[in-house]
Amino acid sequence: MVMSLSFLSWTHAADVKDLFDYYNKKEYEKACKVGLRIFNRYKKDSKFLMLYGLSCLKADYIDRLAVPLTGLRKTKAERANASYFATILLQKKLLYHSLLDDVDISGLKLPYTDYILSKVFDMYTRKEYRKENGVYIFHPEDSRNTTYKLYIDRNGTIPKMVIDVYENDHFFKRHRYW
């Protein structure tokens, strides 16, 4: 019995180590998936919640932020991180709603974050874009060589909100949300 308990403890530690290792290697999607798999075992550990939340954020799995943010409430830093996650989640939901349902969200002011969705949300609500054939084109003030293109991809069963990032007029990265 002792051997099986120590083995079980080792496998739990290995899971957290995998999460940490994937995060450090910038393999955020793998880290988020590991975090989801082991979530119930560590849901009261604020360090785990932060690492899991940041992994999912960097993997663009925004909806997975809802669960860890509810557990971050004991300290000032935890509450700040929960607010960060909640802000990004709300911005995603509002922007998606606006694009799909033609709801005016201009003038809304939410806390600013450095996450790409926040940057696009802020420019969108201030109407700092050009619209061509259903695509919103943004040129952020802080980067003269960067362009964001926001649009809805209706291929598939669920429409997806897409942000394409261009650097010096060359495609750089695609972010997909639903």
C-alpha atoms as a PDB file:
ATOM      1  CA  MET A   1       0.000   0.000   0.000  1.00  0.00           C
ATOM      2  CA  VAL A   2       2.801   2.447   0.820  1.00  0.00           C
ATOM      3  CA  MET A   3       4.408   1.847  -2.554  1.00  0.00           C
ATOM      4  CA  SER A   4       1.217   2.661  -4.459  1.00  0.00           C
ATOM      5  CA  LEU A   5       0.652   5.873  -2.444  1.00  0.00           C
ATOM      6  CA  SER A   6       4.187   7.119  -3.083  1.00  0.00           C
ATOM      7  CA  PHE A   7       3.803   6.246  -6.764  1.00  0.00           C
ATOM      8  CA  LEU A   8       0.537   8.195  -6.833  1.00  0.00           C
ATOM      9  CA  SER A   9       2.220  11.215  -5.227  1.00  0.00           C
ATOM     10  CA  TRP A  10       5.039  11.032  -7.739  1.00  0.00           C
ATOM     11  CA  THR A  11       2.634  10.917 -10.695  1.00  0.00           C
ATOM     12  CA  HIS A  12       0.782  13.974  -9.361  1.00  0.00           C
ATOM     13  CA  ALA A  13       4.050  15.864  -9.027  1.00  0.00           C
ATOM     14  CA  ALA A  14       5.030  14.745 -12.521  1.00  0.00           C
ATOM     15  CA  ASP A  15       1.801  16.252 -13.891  1.00  0.00           C
ATOM     16  CA  VAL A  16       2.517  19.655 -12.333  1.00  0.00           C
ATOM     17  CA  LYS A  17       6.117  19.421 -13.508  1.00  0.00           C
ATOM     18  CA  ASP A  18       4.859  18.689 -17.044  1.00  0.00           C
ATOM     19  CA  LEU A  19       2.632  21.753 -16.878  1.00  0.00           C
ATOM     20  CA  PHE A  20       5.535  23.890 -15.688  1.00  0.00           C
ATOM     21  CA  ASP A  21       7.949  22.437 -18.282  1.00  0.00           C
ATOM     22  CA  TYR A  22       5.513  22.957 -21.175  1.00  0.00           C
ATOM     23  CA  TYR A  23       4.909  26.528 -20.038  1.00  0.00           C
ATOM     24  CA  ASN A  24       8.637  27.273 -19.852  1.00  0.00           C
ATOM     25  CA  LYS A  25       9.146  25.779 -23.326  1.00  0.00           C
ATOM     26  CA  LYS A  26       6.308  28.045 -24.580  1.00  0.00           C
ATOM     27  CA  GLU A  27       4.224  24.998 -25.464  1.00  0.00           C
ATOM     28  CA  TYR A  28       1.149  26.695 -24.046  1.00  0.00           C
ATOM     29  CA  GLU A  29      -1.477  24.489 -25.681  1.00  0.00           C
ATOM     30  CA  LYS A  30       0.090  21.363 -24.164  1.00  0.00           C
ATOM     31  CA  ALA A  31       0.391  23.102 -20.788  1.00  0.00           C
ATOM     32  CA  CYS A  32      -3.268  24.145 -20.894  1.00  0.00           C
ATOM     33  CA  LYS A  33      -4.362  20.604 -21.739  1.00  0.00           C
ATOM     34  CA  VAL A  34      -2.294  19.137 -18.882  1.00  0.00           C
ATOM     35  CA  GLY A  35      -3.751  21.765 -16.525  1.00  0.00           C
ATOM     36  CA  LEU A  36      -7.290  20.871 -17.569  1.00  0.00           C
ATOM     37  CA  ARG A  37      -6.597  17.176 -17.008  1.00  0.00           C
ATOM     38  CA  ILE A  38      -5.258  17.691 -13.466  1.00  0.00           C
ATOM     39  CA  PHE A  39      -7.411  20.671 -12.507  1.00  0.00           C
ATOM     40  CA  ASN A  40      -9.552  18.932  -9.880  1.00  0.00           C
ATOM     41  CA  ARG A  41      -6.472  17.807  -7.935  1.00  0.00           C
ATOM     42  CA  TYR A  42      -4.980  21.316  -7.712  1.00  0.00           C
ATOM     43  CA  LYS A  43      -7.956  23.677  -7.916  1.00  0.00           C
ATOM     44  CA  LYS A  44      -7.176  25.161  -4.490  1.00  0.00           C
ATOM     45  CA  ASP A  45      -3.529  25.883  -5.291  1.00  0.00           C
ATOM     46  CA  SER A  46      -3.256  29.497  -6.452  1.00  0.00           C
ATOM     47  CA  LYS A  47       0.140  28.959  -8.110  1.00  0.00           C
ATOM     48  CA  PHE A  48      -1.319  26.125 -10.161  1.00  0.00           C
ATOM     49  CA  LEU A  49      -4.375  28.251 -11.053  1.00  0.00           C
ATOM     50  CA  MET A  50      -2.140  31.077 -12.285  1.00  0.00           C
ATOM     51  CA  LEU A  51       0.085  28.798 -14.356  1.00  0.00           C
ATOM     52  CA  TYR A  52      -2.910  26.981 -15.803  1.00  0.00           C
ATOM     53  CA  GLY A  53      -4.712  30.254 -16.562  1.00  0.00           C
ATOM     54  CA  LEU A  54      -1.680  31.870 -18.198  1.00  0.00           C
ATOM     55  CA  SER A  55      -1.050  28.736 -20.268  1.00  0.00           C
ATOM     56  CA  CYS A  56      -4.614  28.740 -21.547  1.00  0.00           C
ATOM     57  CA  LEU A  57      -4.490  32.476 -22.214  1.00  0.00           C
ATOM     58  CA  LYS A  58      -1.300  32.177 -24.250  1.00  0.00           C
ATOM     59  CA  ALA A  59      -2.835  29.225 -26.147  1.00  0.00           C
ATOM     60  CA  ASP A  60      -5.904  31.402 -26.950  1.00  0.00           C
ATOM     61  CA  TYR A  61      -8.217  29.127 -24.932  1.00  0.00           C
ATOM     62  CA  ILE A  62      -9.889  32.171 -23.407  1.00  0.00           C
ATOM     63  CA  ASP A  63     -13.034  30.412 -22.199  1.00  0.00           C
ATOM     64  CA  ARG A  64     -10.929  28.174 -19.939  1.00  0.00           C
ATOM     65  CA  LEU A  65     -10.022  31.273 -17.885  1.00  0.00           C
ATOM     66  CA  ALA A  66     -13.473  31.320 -16.273  1.00  0.00           C
ATOM     67  CA  VAL A  67     -12.763  28.445 -13.903  1.00  0.00           C
ATOM     68  CA  PRO A  68      -9.312  29.355 -12.537  1.00  0.00           C
ATOM     69  CA  LEU A  69     -10.285  32.998 -12.037  1.00  0.00           C
ATOM     70  CA  THR A  70     -12.943  31.981  -9.518  1.00  0.00           C
ATOM     71  CA  GLY A  71     -10.294  30.358  -7.307  1.00  0.00           C
ATOM     72  CA  LEU A  72      -7.995  33.393  -7.258  1.00  0.00           C
ATOM     73  CA  ARG A  73      -9.400  35.437  -4.387  1.00  0.00           C
ATOM     74  CA  LYS A  74      -7.296  35.150  -1.217  1.00  0.00           C
ATOM     75  CA  THR A  75      -4.572  37.758  -1.780  1.00  0.00           C
ATOM     76  CA  LYS A  76      -4.311  41.104  -3.511  1.00  0.00           C
ATOM     77  CA  ALA A  77      -2.143  39.545  -6.248  1.00  0.00           C
ATOM     78  CA  GLU A  78      -4.623  36.694  -6.792  1.00  0.00           C
ATOM     79  CA  ARG A  79      -7.526  39.138  -7.097  1.00  0.00           C
ATOM     80  CA  ALA A  80      -5.546  41.251  -9.572  1.00  0.00           C
ATOM     81  CA  ASN A  81      -4.811  38.180 -11.673  1.00  0.00           C
ATOM     82  CA  ALA A  82      -8.457  37.105 -11.523  1.00  0.00           C
ATOM     83  CA  SER A  83      -9.452  40.585 -12.719  1.00  0.00           C
ATOM     84  CA  TYR A  84      -6.947  40.316 -15.563  1.00  0.00           C
ATOM     85  CA  PHE A  85      -8.447  36.998 -16.704  1.00  0.00           C
ATOM     86  CA  ALA A  86     -12.017  38.285 -16.290  1.00  0.00           C
ATOM     87  CA  THR A  87     -11.285  41.418 -18.315  1.00  0.00           C
ATOM     88  CA  ILE A  88      -9.939  39.453 -21.261  1.00  0.00           C
ATOM     89  CA  LEU A  89     -12.815  36.971 -21.106  1.00  0.00           C
ATOM     90  CA  LEU A  90     -15.379  39.805 -21.037  1.00  0.00           C
ATOM     91  CA  GLN A  91     -13.672  41.639 -23.903  1.00  0.00           C
ATOM     92  CA  LYS A  92     -13.778  38.479 -25.993  1.00  0.00           C
ATOM     93  CA  LYS A  93     -17.463  37.884 -25.287  1.00  0.00           C
ATOM     94  CA  LEU A  94     -18.422  41.509 -25.990  1.00  0.00           C
ATOM     95  CA  LEU A  95     -16.423  41.736 -29.198  1.00  0.00           C
ATOM     96  CA  TYR A  96     -17.800  38.417 -30.469  1.00  0.00           C
ATOM     97  CA  HIS A  97     -21.349  39.541 -29.618  1.00  0.00           C
ATOM     98  CA  SER A  98     -20.833  42.867 -31.379  1.00  0.00           C
ATOM     99  CA  LEU A  99     -19.444  41.308 -34.543  1.00  0.00           C
ATOM    100  CA  LEU A 100     -22.019  38.540 -34.847  1.00  0.00           C
ATOM    101  CA  ASP A 101     -25.101  40.424 -33.688  1.00  0.00           C
ATOM    102  CA  ASP A 102     -24.255  43.952 -34.863  1.00  0.00           C
ATOM    103  CA  VAL A 103     -24.373  45.340 -31.329  1.00  0.00           C
ATOM    104  CA  ASP A 104     -22.768  48.741 -30.789  1.00  0.00           C
ATOM    105  CA  ILE A 105     -20.160  48.558 -28.029  1.00  0.00           C
ATOM    106  CA  SER A 106     -18.385  51.765 -28.949  1.00  0.00           C
ATOM    107  CA  GLY A 107     -17.626  53.858 -25.936  1.00  0.00           C
ATOM    108  CA  LEU A 108     -17.255  50.898 -23.590  1.00  0.00           C
ATOM    109  CA  LYS A 109     -14.176  51.299 -21.435  1.00  0.00           C
ATOM    110  CA  LEU A 110     -12.701  48.266 -19.724  1.00  0.00           C
ATOM    111  CA  PRO A 111      -9.302  47.931 -18.063  1.00  0.00           C
ATOM    112  CA  TYR A 112      -6.473  47.739 -20.566  1.00  0.00           C
ATOM    113  CA  THR A 113      -4.230  44.695 -20.780  1.00  0.00           C
ATOM    114  CA  ASP A 114      -1.313  43.945 -23.057  1.00  0.00           C
ATOM    115  CA  TYR A 115      -3.076  40.909 -24.523  1.00  0.00           C
ATOM    116  CA  ILE A 116      -3.825  41.191 -28.264  1.00  0.00           C
ATOM    117  CA  LEU A 117      -7.567  40.801 -27.789  1.00  0.00           C
ATOM    118  CA  SER A 118      -7.552  43.776 -25.409  1.00  0.00           C
ATOM    119  CA  LYS A 119      -5.630  45.900 -27.881  1.00  0.00           C
ATOM    120  CA  VAL A 120      -8.102  45.119 -30.651  1.00  0.00           C
ATOM    121  CA  PHE A 121     -11.074  45.564 -28.299  1.00  0.00           C
ATOM    122  CA  ASP A 122      -9.887  49.035 -27.271  1.00  0.00           C
ATOM    123  CA  MET A 123      -9.347  50.173 -30.863  1.00  0.00           C
ATOM    124  CA  TYR A 124     -12.695  48.667 -31.899  1.00  0.00           C
ATOM    125  CA  THR A 125     -14.648  50.443 -29.136  1.00  0.00           C
ATOM    126  CA  ARG A 126     -12.932  53.739 -30.039  1.00  0.00           C
ATOM    127  CA  LYS A 127     -13.731  53.071 -33.735  1.00  0.00           C
ATOM    128  CA  GLU A 128     -10.058  53.297 -34.671  1.00  0.00           C
ATOM    129  CA  TYR A 129     -10.308  51.028 -37.690  1.00  0.00           C
ATOM    130  CA  ARG A 130     -10.974  50.907 -41.392  1.00  0.00           C
ATOM    131  CA  LYS A 131     -13.554  48.395 -42.612  1.00  0.00           C
ATOM    132  CA  GLU A 132     -13.170  46.610 -45.948  1.00  0.00           C
ATOM    133  CA  ASN A 133     -15.461  43.772 -47.076  1.00  0.00           C
ATOM    134  CA  GLY A 134     -16.438  42.848 -43.510  1.00  0.00           C
ATOM    135  CA  VAL A 135     -12.839  42.968 -42.233  1.00  0.00           C
ATOM    136  CA  TYR A 136     -11.827  45.490 -39.581  1.00  0.00           C
ATOM    137  CA  ILE A 137      -8.273  46.739 -40.094  1.00  0.00           C
ATOM    138  CA  PHE A 138      -6.363  48.246 -37.169  1.00  0.00           C
ATOM    139  CA  HIS A 139      -3.022  50.045 -37.006  1.00  0.00           C
ATOM    140  CA  PRO A 140      -1.951  50.282 -33.363  1.00  0.00           C
ATOM    141  CA  GLU A 141      -0.269  53.527 -32.354  1.00  0.00           C
ATOM    142  CA  ASP A 142       2.472  51.727 -30.416  1.00  0.00           C
ATOM    143  CA  SER A 143       3.686  49.734 -33.439  1.00  0.00           C
ATOM    144  CA  ARG A 144       3.880  51.359 -36.838  1.00  0.00           C
ATOM    145  CA  ASN A 145       4.795  48.062 -38.544  1.00  0.00           C
ATOM    146  CA  THR A 146       1.927  46.000 -37.120  1.00  0.00           C
ATOM    147  CA  THR A 147      -1.551  45.565 -38.566  1.00  0.00           C
ATOM    148  CA  TYR A 148      -4.438  43.593 -37.074  1.00  0.00           C
ATOM    149  CA  LYS A 149      -7.315  42.261 -39.153  1.00  0.00           C
ATOM    150  CA  LEU A 150     -10.470  41.265 -37.299  1.00  0.00           C
ATOM    151  CA  TYR A 151     -13.242  39.268 -38.941  1.00  0.00           C
ATOM    152  CA  ILE A 152     -15.710  36.433 -38.488  1.00  0.00           C
ATOM    153  CA  ASP A 153     -14.947  33.082 -40.099  1.00  0.00           C
ATOM    154  CA  ARG A 154     -18.281  31.415 -40.791  1.00  0.00           C
ATOM    155  CA  ASN A 155     -16.816  28.156 -42.112  1.00  0.00           C
ATOM    156  CA  GLY A 156     -17.819  25.279 -39.880  1.00  0.00           C
ATOM    157  CA  THR A 157     -20.725  24.912 -37.496  1.00  0.00           C
ATOM    158  CA  ILE A 158     -19.699  27.663 -35.060  1.00  0.00           C
ATOM    159  CA  PRO A 159     -18.613  31.086 -36.326  1.00  0.00           C
ATOM    160  CA  LYS A 160     -15.136  31.999 -35.139  1.00  0.00           C
ATOM    161  CA  MET A 161     -13.752  35.446 -34.407  1.00  0.00           C
ATOM    162  CA  VAL A 162     -10.319  35.769 -35.991  1.00  0.00           C
ATOM    163  CA  ILE A 163      -7.519  38.262 -35.443  1.00  0.00           C
ATOM    164  CA  ASP A 164      -4.750  38.057 -38.010  1.00  0.00           C
ATOM    165  CA  VAL A 165      -1.504  39.808 -37.138  1.00  0.00           C
ATOM    166  CA  TYR A 166       0.705  41.263 -39.853  1.00  0.00           C
ATOM    167  CA  GLU A 167       4.239  42.556 -39.372  1.00  0.00           C
ATOM    168  CA  ASN A 168       5.598  44.748 -42.178  1.00  0.00           C
ATOM    169  CA  ASP A 169       2.653  43.653 -44.372  1.00  0.00           C
ATOM    170  CA  HIS A 170       3.540  39.949 -43.959  1.00  0.00           C
ATOM    171  CA  PHE A 171       1.256  37.505 -42.196  1.00  0.00           C
ATOM    172  CA  PHE A 172       2.671  36.696 -38.759  1.00  0.00           C
ATOM    173  CA  LYS A 173       0.067  34.939 -36.584  1.00  0.00           C
ATOM    174  CA  ARG A 174      -3.616  34.007 -36.386  1.00  0.00           C
ATOM    175  CA  HIS A 175      -5.734  34.050 -33.215  1.00  0.00           C
ATOM    176  CA  ARG A 176      -9.095  32.197 -33.352  1.00  0.00           C
ATOM    177  CA  TYR A 177     -11.823  32.539 -30.749  1.00  0.00           C
ATOM    178  CA  TRP A 178     -15.387  31.272 -30.392  1.00  0.00           C
END
